[in-house]
Amino acid sequence: MRNYSILFLLFFASCTTSNISKLNSQNIESQESAEKISFFLTNISSESIPLLIPSVMNPNLSPNSSSAVVLSIGQQVYFKNKGKKYILIEVDSSIKKGDKIEVSELLKKRKKELGLK
């Protein structure tokens, strides 16, 4: 009886490990197949602009600067206003490789749309 228990435990452990490996490889493949776009976030204003890009970085766009980013379609870029987080832009297929997105102007527009000051 004890031998069967050990065999069952070994079989169960190998099946569990195999399933975890399959899930991990599927997860990696889905992340690699997500379409990514390389573009620039620019800031033509004289003020630094803090941004939030979950699972990527939290850059501060320096005044009169441009930063290259590579983001997946669907990735959201946020800004904060009075401690609350708002979507500035969601990466979609309208953004093409090498595009320059002027953040200071976009930020003014989004704040106006959201009724923020």
C-alpha atoms as a PDB file:
ATOM      1  CA  MET A   1       0.000   0.000   0.000  1.00  0.00           C
ATOM      2  CA  ARG A   2       2.850   2.352   0.866  1.00  0.00           C
ATOM      3  CA  ASN A   3       4.455   1.814  -2.562  1.00  0.00           C
ATOM      4  CA  TYR A   4       1.206   2.852  -4.296  1.00  0.00           C
ATOM      5  CA  SER A   5       1.060   6.016  -2.182  1.00  0.00           C
ATOM      6  CA  ILE A   6       4.590   6.936  -3.153  1.00  0.00           C
ATOM      7  CA  LEU A   7       3.882   6.200  -6.824  1.00  0.00           C
ATOM      8  CA  PHE A   8       0.722   8.305  -6.698  1.00  0.00           C
ATOM      9  CA  LEU A   9       2.586  11.218  -5.098  1.00  0.00           C
ATOM     10  CA  LEU A  10       5.345  11.023  -7.711  1.00  0.00           C
ATOM     11  CA  PHE A  11       2.790  10.873 -10.534  1.00  0.00           C
ATOM     12  CA  PHE A  12       0.813  13.790  -9.076  1.00  0.00           C
ATOM     13  CA  ALA A  13       3.948  15.884  -8.605  1.00  0.00           C
ATOM     14  CA  SER A  14       5.098  15.264 -12.182  1.00  0.00           C
ATOM     15  CA  CYS A  15       1.669  16.164 -13.592  1.00  0.00           C
ATOM     16  CA  THR A  16       1.539  19.351 -11.533  1.00  0.00           C
ATOM     17  CA  THR A  17       5.056  20.366 -12.602  1.00  0.00           C
ATOM     18  CA  SER A  18       4.198  19.614 -16.228  1.00  0.00           C
ATOM     19  CA  ASN A  19       1.044  21.753 -16.064  1.00  0.00           C
ATOM     20  CA  ILE A  20       2.921  24.633 -14.435  1.00  0.00           C
ATOM     21  CA  SER A  21       5.570  24.454 -17.161  1.00  0.00           C
ATOM     22  CA  LYS A  22       2.887  24.498 -19.869  1.00  0.00           C
ATOM     23  CA  LEU A  23       1.155  27.506 -18.265  1.00  0.00           C
ATOM     24  CA  ASN A  24       4.454  29.384 -17.940  1.00  0.00           C
ATOM     25  CA  SER A  25       5.409  28.753 -21.570  1.00  0.00           C
ATOM     26  CA  GLN A  26       1.928  29.798 -22.769  1.00  0.00           C
ATOM     27  CA  ASN A  27       2.202  32.982 -20.689  1.00  0.00           C
ATOM     28  CA  ILE A  28       5.625  33.801 -22.150  1.00  0.00           C
ATOM     29  CA  GLU A  29       4.393  33.129 -25.699  1.00  0.00           C
ATOM     30  CA  SER A  30       1.348  35.388 -25.236  1.00  0.00           C
ATOM     31  CA  GLN A  31       3.550  38.184 -23.880  1.00  0.00           C
ATOM     32  CA  GLU A  32       5.984  37.817 -26.778  1.00  0.00           C
ATOM     33  CA  SER A  33       3.186  37.784 -29.353  1.00  0.00           C
ATOM     34  CA  ALA A  34       1.626  40.994 -27.995  1.00  0.00           C
ATOM     35  CA  GLU A  35       2.254  43.655 -30.617  1.00  0.00           C
ATOM     36  CA  LYS A  36       4.619  46.342 -29.390  1.00  0.00           C
ATOM     37  CA  ILE A  37       5.102  49.787 -30.860  1.00  0.00           C
ATOM     38  CA  SER A  38       8.206  51.940 -30.584  1.00  0.00           C
ATOM     39  CA  PHE A  39       7.413  55.660 -30.418  1.00  0.00           C
ATOM     40  CA  PHE A  40       8.394  58.860 -28.620  1.00  0.00           C
ATOM     41  CA  LEU A  41       6.804  60.789 -25.768  1.00  0.00           C
ATOM     42  CA  THR A  42       7.825  64.436 -26.082  1.00  0.00           C
ATOM     43  CA  ASN A  43       7.482  67.421 -23.784  1.00  0.00           C
ATOM     44  CA  ILE A  44       7.794  70.883 -25.369  1.00  0.00           C
ATOM     45  CA  SER A  45       6.791  72.671 -22.157  1.00  0.00           C
ATOM     46  CA  SER A  46       9.144  74.207 -19.603  1.00  0.00           C
ATOM     47  CA  GLU A  47       7.868  71.930 -16.803  1.00  0.00           C
ATOM     48  CA  SER A  48       8.662  68.311 -15.941  1.00  0.00           C
ATOM     49  CA  ILE A  49       5.734  65.914 -16.499  1.00  0.00           C
ATOM     50  CA  PRO A  50       5.495  62.822 -14.239  1.00  0.00           C
ATOM     51  CA  LEU A  51       3.811  59.812 -15.868  1.00  0.00           C
ATOM     52  CA  LEU A  52       2.804  56.328 -14.719  1.00  0.00           C
ATOM     53  CA  ILE A  53       3.239  53.341 -17.027  1.00  0.00           C
ATOM     54  CA  PRO A  54       2.245  50.213 -15.035  1.00  0.00           C
ATOM     55  CA  SER A  55       4.660  47.282 -15.179  1.00  0.00           C
ATOM     56  CA  VAL A  56       7.075  49.355 -17.247  1.00  0.00           C
ATOM     57  CA  MET A  57       8.307  52.540 -15.570  1.00  0.00           C
ATOM     58  CA  ASN A  58       7.293  55.834 -14.019  1.00  0.00           C
ATOM     59  CA  PRO A  59       9.161  58.386 -16.097  1.00  0.00           C
ATOM     60  CA  ASN A  60       9.418  62.101 -15.574  1.00  0.00           C
ATOM     61  CA  LEU A  61       9.511  63.800 -18.933  1.00  0.00           C
ATOM     62  CA  SER A  62      12.006  66.601 -18.577  1.00  0.00           C
ATOM     63  CA  PRO A  63      11.223  70.009 -20.075  1.00  0.00           C
ATOM     64  CA  ASN A  64      11.899  70.246 -23.809  1.00  0.00           C
ATOM     65  CA  SER A  65      12.741  66.549 -24.093  1.00  0.00           C
ATOM     66  CA  SER A  66      11.797  63.392 -25.925  1.00  0.00           C
ATOM     67  CA  SER A  67      11.824  59.825 -24.561  1.00  0.00           C
ATOM     68  CA  ALA A  68      11.640  56.671 -26.652  1.00  0.00           C
ATOM     69  CA  VAL A  69       9.246  53.987 -25.387  1.00  0.00           C
ATOM     70  CA  VAL A  70       8.269  50.533 -26.593  1.00  0.00           C
ATOM     71  CA  LEU A  71       4.777  49.669 -25.379  1.00  0.00           C
ATOM     72  CA  SER A  72       2.228  46.970 -26.138  1.00  0.00           C
ATOM     73  CA  ILE A  73      -1.082  47.729 -27.768  1.00  0.00           C
ATOM     74  CA  GLY A  74      -3.578  48.228 -24.955  1.00  0.00           C
ATOM     75  CA  GLN A  75      -0.955  49.555 -22.532  1.00  0.00           C
ATOM     76  CA  GLN A  76      -2.200  52.629 -20.705  1.00  0.00           C
ATOM     77  CA  VAL A  77      -0.153  55.659 -19.747  1.00  0.00           C
ATOM     78  CA  TYR A  78      -1.448  57.631 -16.762  1.00  0.00           C
ATOM     79  CA  PHE A  79      -0.953  61.038 -15.172  1.00  0.00           C
ATOM     80  CA  LYS A  80      -1.820  62.133 -11.659  1.00  0.00           C
ATOM     81  CA  ASN A  81      -3.836  65.160 -10.666  1.00  0.00           C
ATOM     82  CA  LYS A  82      -4.365  65.989  -6.996  1.00  0.00           C
ATOM     83  CA  GLY A  83      -3.465  62.427  -6.000  1.00  0.00           C
ATOM     84  CA  LYS A  84      -5.854  60.722  -8.444  1.00  0.00           C
ATOM     85  CA  LYS A  85      -4.711  58.692 -11.443  1.00  0.00           C
ATOM     86  CA  TYR A  86      -6.183  59.354 -14.908  1.00  0.00           C
ATOM     87  CA  ILE A  87      -5.568  57.789 -18.312  1.00  0.00           C
ATOM     88  CA  LEU A  88      -3.545  60.047 -20.552  1.00  0.00           C
ATOM     89  CA  ILE A  89      -3.339  57.685 -23.507  1.00  0.00           C
ATOM     90  CA  GLU A  90      -3.976  54.056 -24.390  1.00  0.00           C
ATOM     91  CA  VAL A  91      -1.616  52.613 -26.980  1.00  0.00           C
ATOM     92  CA  ASP A  92      -3.538  51.470 -30.043  1.00  0.00           C
ATOM     93  CA  SER A  93      -2.908  50.699 -33.700  1.00  0.00           C
ATOM     94  CA  SER A  94      -3.292  54.378 -34.656  1.00  0.00           C
ATOM     95  CA  ILE A  95       0.162  54.942 -33.147  1.00  0.00           C
ATOM     96  CA  LYS A  96       2.833  54.033 -35.681  1.00  0.00           C
ATOM     97  CA  LYS A  97       6.494  53.182 -35.190  1.00  0.00           C
ATOM     98  CA  GLY A  98       8.489  56.371 -34.671  1.00  0.00           C
ATOM     99  CA  ASP A  99       5.477  58.607 -33.985  1.00  0.00           C
ATOM    100  CA  LYS A 100       6.027  61.533 -31.635  1.00  0.00           C
ATOM    101  CA  ILE A 101       3.270  62.120 -29.101  1.00  0.00           C
ATOM    102  CA  GLU A 102       3.461  65.590 -27.576  1.00  0.00           C
ATOM    103  CA  VAL A 103       2.538  64.945 -23.941  1.00  0.00           C
ATOM    104  CA  SER A 104       2.251  68.527 -22.625  1.00  0.00           C
ATOM    105  CA  GLU A 105      -0.419  69.411 -25.205  1.00  0.00           C
ATOM    106  CA  LEU A 106      -2.173  66.060 -24.767  1.00  0.00           C
ATOM    107  CA  LEU A 107      -2.150  66.573 -20.991  1.00  0.00           C
ATOM    108  CA  LYS A 108      -3.816  69.991 -21.324  1.00  0.00           C
ATOM    109  CA  LYS A 109      -6.451  68.488 -23.614  1.00  0.00           C
ATOM    110  CA  ARG A 110      -7.170  65.508 -21.285  1.00  0.00           C
ATOM    111  CA  LYS A 111      -7.434  67.752 -18.219  1.00  0.00           C
ATOM    112  CA  LYS A 112      -9.918  69.949 -20.076  1.00  0.00           C
ATOM    113  CA  GLU A 113     -11.944  66.882 -21.186  1.00  0.00           C
ATOM    114  CA  LEU A 114     -12.004  65.602 -17.596  1.00  0.00           C
ATOM    115  CA  GLY A 115     -12.827  69.020 -16.111  1.00  0.00           C
ATOM    116  CA  LEU A 116      -9.578  69.129 -14.117  1.00  0.00           C
ATOM    117  CA  LYS A 117      -7.458  72.164 -13.347  1.00  0.00           C
END
